[in-house]
C-alpha atoms as a PDB file:
ATOM      1  CA  MET A   1     164.625 128.544 130.256  1.00  0.00           C
ATOM      2  CA  LYS A   2     167.753 130.327 131.386  1.00  0.00           C
ATOM      3  CA  ASP A   3     168.549 133.812 130.176  1.00  0.00           C
ATOM      4  CA  PRO A   4     170.271 133.497 126.754  1.00  0.00           C
ATOM      5  CA  ARG A   5     172.940 135.989 127.804  1.00  0.00           C
ATOM      6  CA  THR A   6     174.077 133.632 130.574  1.00  0.00           C
ATOM      7  CA  ILE A   7     174.362 130.735 128.102  1.00  0.00           C
ATOM      8  CA  ILE A   8     176.208 132.522 125.257  1.00  0.00           C
ATOM      9  CA  LEU A   9     179.294 134.095 126.852  1.00  0.00           C
ATOM     10  CA  ALA A  10     181.321 135.432 123.920  1.00  0.00           C
ATOM     11  CA  PRO A  11     181.902 134.973 120.191  1.00  0.00           C
ATOM     12  CA  ILE A  12     185.091 133.255 119.065  1.00  0.00           C
ATOM     13  CA  ILE A  13     186.883 135.298 116.429  1.00  0.00           C
ATOM     14  CA  THR A  14     189.874 133.433 115.041  1.00  0.00           C
ATOM     15  CA  GLU A  15     191.111 132.607 111.559  1.00  0.00           C
ATOM     16  CA  LYS A  16     189.682 129.105 111.840  1.00  0.00           C
ATOM     17  CA  SER A  17     186.256 130.339 112.949  1.00  0.00           C
ATOM     18  CA  MET A  18     186.176 132.831 110.059  1.00  0.00           C
ATOM     19  CA  ARG A  19     186.946 130.020 107.586  1.00  0.00           C
ATOM     20  CA  LEU A  20     184.088 127.982 109.069  1.00  0.00           C
ATOM     21  CA  LYS A  21     181.765 130.962 108.642  1.00  0.00           C
ATOM     22  CA  GLU A  22     182.710 131.486 105.006  1.00  0.00           C
ATOM     23  CA  LYS A  23     182.772 127.840 103.940  1.00  0.00           C
ATOM     24  CA  TYR A  24     180.020 126.165 106.013  1.00  0.00           C
ATOM     25  CA  ASN A  25     177.949 129.068 107.436  1.00  0.00           C
ATOM     26  CA  GLN A  26     178.997 128.133 110.992  1.00  0.00           C
ATOM     27  CA  VAL A  27     179.722 130.511 113.862  1.00  0.00           C
ATOM     28  CA  SER A  28     181.556 129.768 117.122  1.00  0.00           C
ATOM     29  CA  PHE A  29     180.808 130.870 120.667  1.00  0.00           C
ATOM     30  CA  TRP A  30     182.153 130.327 124.164  1.00  0.00           C
ATOM     31  CA  VAL A  31     179.201 129.033 126.173  1.00  0.00           C
ATOM     32  CA  ALA A  32     178.446 128.184 129.787  1.00  0.00           C
ATOM     33  CA  PRO A  33     179.972 124.781 130.697  1.00  0.00           C
ATOM     34  CA  GLU A  34     176.655 123.455 132.030  1.00  0.00           C
ATOM     35  CA  ALA A  35     174.635 124.433 128.914  1.00  0.00           C
ATOM     36  CA  ASN A  36     173.401 121.663 126.631  1.00  0.00           C
ATOM     37  CA  LYS A  37     172.857 121.737 122.847  1.00  0.00           C
ATOM     38  CA  ILE A  38     169.134 122.472 123.070  1.00  0.00           C
ATOM     39  CA  GLU A  39     169.693 125.467 125.373  1.00  0.00           C
ATOM     40  CA  ILE A  40     172.467 126.773 123.122  1.00  0.00           C
ATOM     41  CA  LYS A  41     170.268 126.463 120.024  1.00  0.00           C
ATOM     42  CA  LYS A  42     167.365 128.318 121.653  1.00  0.00           C
ATOM     43  CA  ALA A  43     169.684 131.024 123.026  1.00  0.00           C
ATOM     44  CA  VAL A  44     171.280 131.718 119.612  1.00  0.00           C
ATOM     45  CA  GLU A  45     167.897 131.779 117.882  1.00  0.00           C
ATOM     46  CA  LYS A  46     166.482 134.183 120.472  1.00  0.00           C
ATOM     47  CA  LEU A  47     169.493 136.527 120.687  1.00  0.00           C
ATOM     48  CA  PHE A  48     170.226 136.836 116.965  1.00  0.00           C
ATOM     49  CA  ASN A  49     166.851 136.036 115.315  1.00  0.00           C
ATOM     50  CA  VAL A  50     168.280 133.289 113.093  1.00  0.00           C
ATOM     51  CA  LYS A  51     167.380 129.662 112.358  1.00  0.00           C
ATOM     52  CA  VAL A  52     169.898 127.129 113.714  1.00  0.00           C
ATOM     53  CA  GLU A  53     170.310 123.777 111.950  1.00  0.00           C
ATOM     54  CA  LYS A  54     172.917 122.064 114.102  1.00  0.00           C
ATOM     55  CA  VAL A  55     174.970 122.607 117.259  1.00  0.00           C
ATOM     56  CA  GLN A  56     178.289 120.922 117.993  1.00  0.00           C
ATOM     57  CA  THR A  57     179.893 121.332 121.407  1.00  0.00           C
ATOM     58  CA  MET A  58     183.278 120.531 122.873  1.00  0.00           C
ATOM     59  CA  ARG A  59     184.888 120.954 126.252  1.00  0.00           C
ATOM     60  CA  VAL A  60     188.251 122.729 126.187  1.00  0.00           C
ATOM     61  CA  LYS A  61     190.568 121.659 128.994  1.00  0.00           C
ATOM     62  CA  GLY A  62     192.431 124.253 131.006  1.00  0.00           C
ATOM     63  CA  LYS A  63     196.054 124.750 130.074  1.00  0.00           C
ATOM     64  CA  PRO A  64     198.905 124.744 132.600  1.00  0.00           C
ATOM     65  CA  LYS A  65     199.978 128.276 133.421  1.00  0.00           C
ATOM     66  CA  GLY A  66     202.545 129.794 135.715  1.00  0.00           C
ATOM     67  CA  GLY A  67     205.936 128.380 136.346  1.00  0.00           C
ATOM     68  CA  PHE A  68     207.806 126.263 138.804  1.00  0.00           C
ATOM     69  CA  ARG A  69     207.003 128.504 141.774  1.00  0.00           C
ATOM     70  CA  ASN A  70     203.392 129.263 140.930  1.00  0.00           C
ATOM     71  CA  PRO A  71     201.793 126.286 139.152  1.00  0.00           C
ATOM     72  CA  GLY A  72     198.171 126.524 138.105  1.00  0.00           C
ATOM     73  CA  ARG A  73     195.714 125.986 135.292  1.00  0.00           C
ATOM     74  CA  THR A  74     193.270 128.066 133.306  1.00  0.00           C
ATOM     75  CA  SER A  75     189.658 127.089 133.834  1.00  0.00           C
ATOM     76  CA  LEU A  76     187.703 124.599 131.760  1.00  0.00           C
ATOM     77  CA  ARG A  77     185.623 126.184 128.985  1.00  0.00           C
ATOM     78  CA  LYS A  78     183.012 124.967 126.539  1.00  0.00           C
ATOM     79  CA  LYS A  79     182.908 125.876 122.860  1.00  0.00           C
ATOM     80  CA  ALA A  80     179.870 125.642 120.598  1.00  0.00           C
ATOM     81  CA  ILE A  81     179.958 125.627 116.801  1.00  0.00           C
ATOM     82  CA  VAL A  82     176.533 126.544 115.441  1.00  0.00           C
ATOM     83  CA  ARG A  83     175.476 125.916 111.834  1.00  0.00           C
ATOM     84  CA  LEU A  84     172.969 128.476 110.597  1.00  0.00           C
ATOM     85  CA  ALA A  85     170.271 127.755 108.053  1.00  0.00           C
ATOM     86  CA  GLU A  86     170.914 128.601 104.401  1.00  0.00           C
ATOM     87  CA  GLY A  87     170.843 132.358 103.841  1.00  0.00           C
ATOM     88  CA  GLN A  88     170.953 133.227 107.558  1.00  0.00           C
ATOM     89  CA  THR A  89     173.723 135.431 108.941  1.00  0.00           C
ATOM     90  CA  ILE A  90     174.621 137.149 112.188  1.00  0.00           C
ATOM     91  CA  GLU A  91     175.467 140.813 111.636  1.00  0.00           C
ATOM     92  CA  PHE A  92     178.205 140.825 114.278  1.00  0.00           C
ATOM     93  CA  PHE A  93     180.293 138.344 112.292  1.00  0.00           C
ATOM     94  CA  GLU A  94     179.693 140.179 109.001  1.00  0.00           C
ATOM     95  CA  THR A  95     181.301 143.428 110.195  1.00  0.00           C
ATOM     96  CA  ILE A  96     184.624 141.761 111.086  1.00  0.00           C
END
């Protein structure tokens, strides 16, 4: 198994992700684009000592950046929304 810190890149802290946390006990992370759902589940369980019920993933396309002279795109990223078991929480998201 890969190192969990190379799979989970960063938490996503937005208004929408906070609503998901409060309403459905789901947390969001940016993950490595090559990671699959099983690897993400094991990485979250190992890093945060929680029980994961479900993992949903989506690929986020890069957006066009720059202007007429300097066209380019941001890189492709992958987002994972992880549903935790009833009563489980991740302390990092509780302090925000």
